[in-house]
Amino acid sequence: MTGRGRTPATAGAMSALHRDGYLILPDLLTPDTCSRIRAEAGRFVDRTSVRRGAGRLAT
């Protein structure tokens, strides 16, 4: 699959995906985007708490 100016996945990358269950996509997100995602995830975690033994998030 190709995106804007992106290289299609190689056979080696697809083999790694099937073997490992994930792909490493270097430079997919900018450092600024990663920082914004981390900040939002932190706010989400701060708004929730984990009930002991419940195995799910509760607000």
N, C-alpha and C. Protein backbone atom coordinates (compact mmCIF):
# COMPACT_ATOMS: atom_id res chain seq x y z
N MET A 1 0.85 -1.17 0.00
CA MET A 1 0.00 0.00 0.00
C MET A 1 0.89 1.23 0.00
N THR A 2 0.50 2.21 -0.77
CA THR A 2 1.30 3.42 -0.83
C THR A 2 0.51 4.60 -0.32
N GLY A 3 1.20 5.53 0.26
CA GLY A 3 0.60 6.78 0.71
C GLY A 3 1.27 7.90 -0.04
N ARG A 4 1.07 9.10 0.42
CA ARG A 4 1.68 10.25 -0.23
C ARG A 4 3.19 10.13 -0.15
N GLY A 5 3.83 9.76 -1.24
CA GLY A 5 5.27 9.69 -1.30
C GLY A 5 5.88 8.56 -0.49
N ARG A 6 5.09 7.64 -0.02
CA ARG A 6 5.60 6.54 0.79
C ARG A 6 5.94 5.35 -0.11
N THR A 7 6.91 4.59 0.33
CA THR A 7 7.33 3.39 -0.39
C THR A 7 6.38 2.24 -0.05
N PRO A 8 5.98 1.45 -1.04
CA PRO A 8 5.12 0.30 -0.72
C PRO A 8 5.83 -0.67 0.21
N ALA A 9 5.05 -1.40 0.97
CA ALA A 9 5.62 -2.40 1.89
C ALA A 9 6.39 -3.44 1.08
N THR A 10 7.55 -3.78 1.57
CA THR A 10 8.36 -4.79 0.90
C THR A 10 7.93 -6.19 1.34
N ALA A 11 8.35 -7.19 0.59
CA ALA A 11 8.04 -8.57 0.97
C ALA A 11 8.64 -8.88 2.34
N GLY A 12 9.82 -8.34 2.63
CA GLY A 12 10.46 -8.55 3.93
C GLY A 12 9.65 -7.93 5.06
N ALA A 13 9.11 -6.73 4.81
CA ALA A 13 8.29 -6.07 5.82
C ALA A 13 7.02 -6.85 6.07
N MET A 14 6.42 -7.36 5.02
CA MET A 14 5.19 -8.14 5.17
C MET A 14 5.46 -9.45 5.90
N SER A 15 6.60 -10.07 5.62
CA SER A 15 6.98 -11.29 6.34
C SER A 15 7.15 -11.01 7.83
N ALA A 16 7.79 -9.88 8.14
CA ALA A 16 7.98 -9.49 9.54
C ALA A 16 6.63 -9.24 10.21
N LEU A 17 5.70 -8.62 9.50
CA LEU A 17 4.37 -8.37 10.06
C LEU A 17 3.69 -9.69 10.41
N HIS A 18 3.72 -10.62 9.50
CA HIS A 18 3.07 -11.91 9.76
C HIS A 18 3.78 -12.70 10.86
N ARG A 19 5.08 -12.59 10.91
CA ARG A 19 5.86 -13.32 11.92
C ARG A 19 5.72 -12.68 13.30
N ASP A 20 5.86 -11.34 13.37
CA ASP A 20 5.94 -10.64 14.64
C ASP A 20 4.61 -10.04 15.09
N GLY A 21 3.72 -9.79 14.15
CA GLY A 21 2.43 -9.19 14.48
C GLY A 21 2.45 -7.67 14.51
N TYR A 22 3.55 -7.06 14.12
CA TYR A 22 3.62 -5.59 14.08
C TYR A 22 4.67 -5.16 13.06
N LEU A 23 4.59 -3.93 12.65
CA LEU A 23 5.59 -3.33 11.77
C LEU A 23 6.18 -2.11 12.45
N ILE A 24 7.42 -1.85 12.19
CA ILE A 24 8.05 -0.61 12.61
C ILE A 24 8.04 0.30 11.39
N LEU A 25 7.43 1.46 11.55
CA LEU A 25 7.31 2.41 10.45
C LEU A 25 8.06 3.68 10.81
N PRO A 26 9.37 3.70 10.53
CA PRO A 26 10.17 4.86 10.92
C PRO A 26 9.67 6.13 10.23
N ASP A 27 9.70 7.20 10.97
CA ASP A 27 9.34 8.53 10.46
C ASP A 27 7.88 8.64 10.02
N LEU A 28 7.01 7.74 10.50
CA LEU A 28 5.59 7.83 10.15
C LEU A 28 4.97 9.07 10.77
N LEU A 29 5.32 9.34 12.02
CA LEU A 29 4.80 10.50 12.74
C LEU A 29 5.94 11.45 13.06
N THR A 30 5.64 12.73 13.03
CA THR A 30 6.65 13.72 13.39
C THR A 30 6.85 13.72 14.90
N PRO A 31 7.98 14.20 15.38
CA PRO A 31 8.18 14.32 16.83
C PRO A 31 7.09 15.16 17.50
N ASP A 32 6.63 16.22 16.83
CA ASP A 32 5.56 17.06 17.39
C ASP A 32 4.27 16.25 17.53
N THR A 33 3.92 15.46 16.53
CA THR A 33 2.72 14.64 16.61
C THR A 33 2.83 13.62 17.74
N CYS A 34 3.99 13.00 17.88
CA CYS A 34 4.20 12.04 18.98
C CYS A 34 4.03 12.72 20.33
N SER A 35 4.54 13.93 20.49
CA SER A 35 4.40 14.66 21.74
C SER A 35 2.94 14.96 22.04
N ARG A 36 2.18 15.36 21.02
CA ARG A 36 0.76 15.65 21.22
C ARG A 36 -0.02 14.39 21.58
N ILE A 37 0.31 13.26 20.97
CA ILE A 37 -0.35 11.98 21.30
C ILE A 37 -0.03 11.59 22.74
N ARG A 38 1.24 11.72 23.13
CA ARG A 38 1.63 11.38 24.51
C ARG A 38 0.90 12.26 25.52
N ALA A 39 0.79 13.54 25.22
CA ALA A 39 0.10 14.46 26.13
C ALA A 39 -1.37 14.09 26.27
N GLU A 40 -2.03 13.79 25.17
CA GLU A 40 -3.45 13.41 25.23
C GLU A 40 -3.62 12.09 25.95
N ALA A 41 -2.75 11.13 25.70
CA ALA A 41 -2.83 9.85 26.41
C ALA A 41 -2.66 10.06 27.90
N GLY A 42 -1.74 10.94 28.28
CA GLY A 42 -1.54 11.24 29.70
C GLY A 42 -2.77 11.85 30.33
N ARG A 43 -3.43 12.75 29.59
CA ARG A 43 -4.68 13.35 30.11
C ARG A 43 -5.76 12.29 30.27
N PHE A 44 -5.83 11.36 29.34
CA PHE A 44 -6.82 10.28 29.45
C PHE A 44 -6.55 9.43 30.69
N VAL A 45 -5.30 9.05 30.89
CA VAL A 45 -4.94 8.23 32.05
C VAL A 45 -5.25 8.99 33.34
N ASP A 46 -4.97 10.29 33.36
CA ASP A 46 -5.25 11.10 34.54
C ASP A 46 -6.74 11.16 34.86
N ARG A 47 -7.61 11.08 33.85
CA ARG A 47 -9.06 11.16 34.05
C ARG A 47 -9.67 9.82 34.45
N THR A 48 -8.93 8.76 34.35
CA THR A 48 -9.48 7.43 34.62
C THR A 48 -8.72 6.78 35.76
N SER A 49 -9.33 5.76 36.32
CA SER A 49 -8.63 4.96 37.31
C SER A 49 -8.95 3.51 37.05
N VAL A 50 -8.07 2.65 37.41
CA VAL A 50 -8.27 1.22 37.21
C VAL A 50 -8.85 0.65 38.50
N ARG A 51 -9.99 0.03 38.39
CA ARG A 51 -10.57 -0.64 39.56
C ARG A 51 -9.78 -1.90 39.83
N ARG A 52 -9.41 -2.10 41.03
CA ARG A 52 -8.65 -3.30 41.37
C ARG A 52 -9.48 -4.53 41.15
N GLY A 53 -8.94 -5.45 40.39
CA GLY A 53 -9.62 -6.71 40.13
C GLY A 53 -10.68 -6.65 39.07
N ALA A 54 -11.04 -5.45 38.62
CA ALA A 54 -12.11 -5.33 37.62
C ALA A 54 -11.59 -5.57 36.21
N GLY A 55 -10.30 -5.28 36.00
CA GLY A 55 -9.72 -5.51 34.69
C GLY A 55 -10.21 -4.55 33.62
N ARG A 56 -10.77 -3.41 34.02
CA ARG A 56 -11.23 -2.43 33.04
C ARG A 56 -11.08 -1.03 33.63
N LEU A 57 -11.12 -0.04 32.77
CA LEU A 57 -11.02 1.34 33.24
C LEU A 57 -12.38 1.83 33.69
N ALA A 58 -12.39 2.60 34.72
CA ALA A 58 -13.62 3.21 35.22
C ALA A 58 -13.40 4.71 35.34
N THR A 59 -14.45 5.48 35.16
CA THR A 59 -14.32 6.94 35.28
C THR A 59 -14.88 7.39 36.61
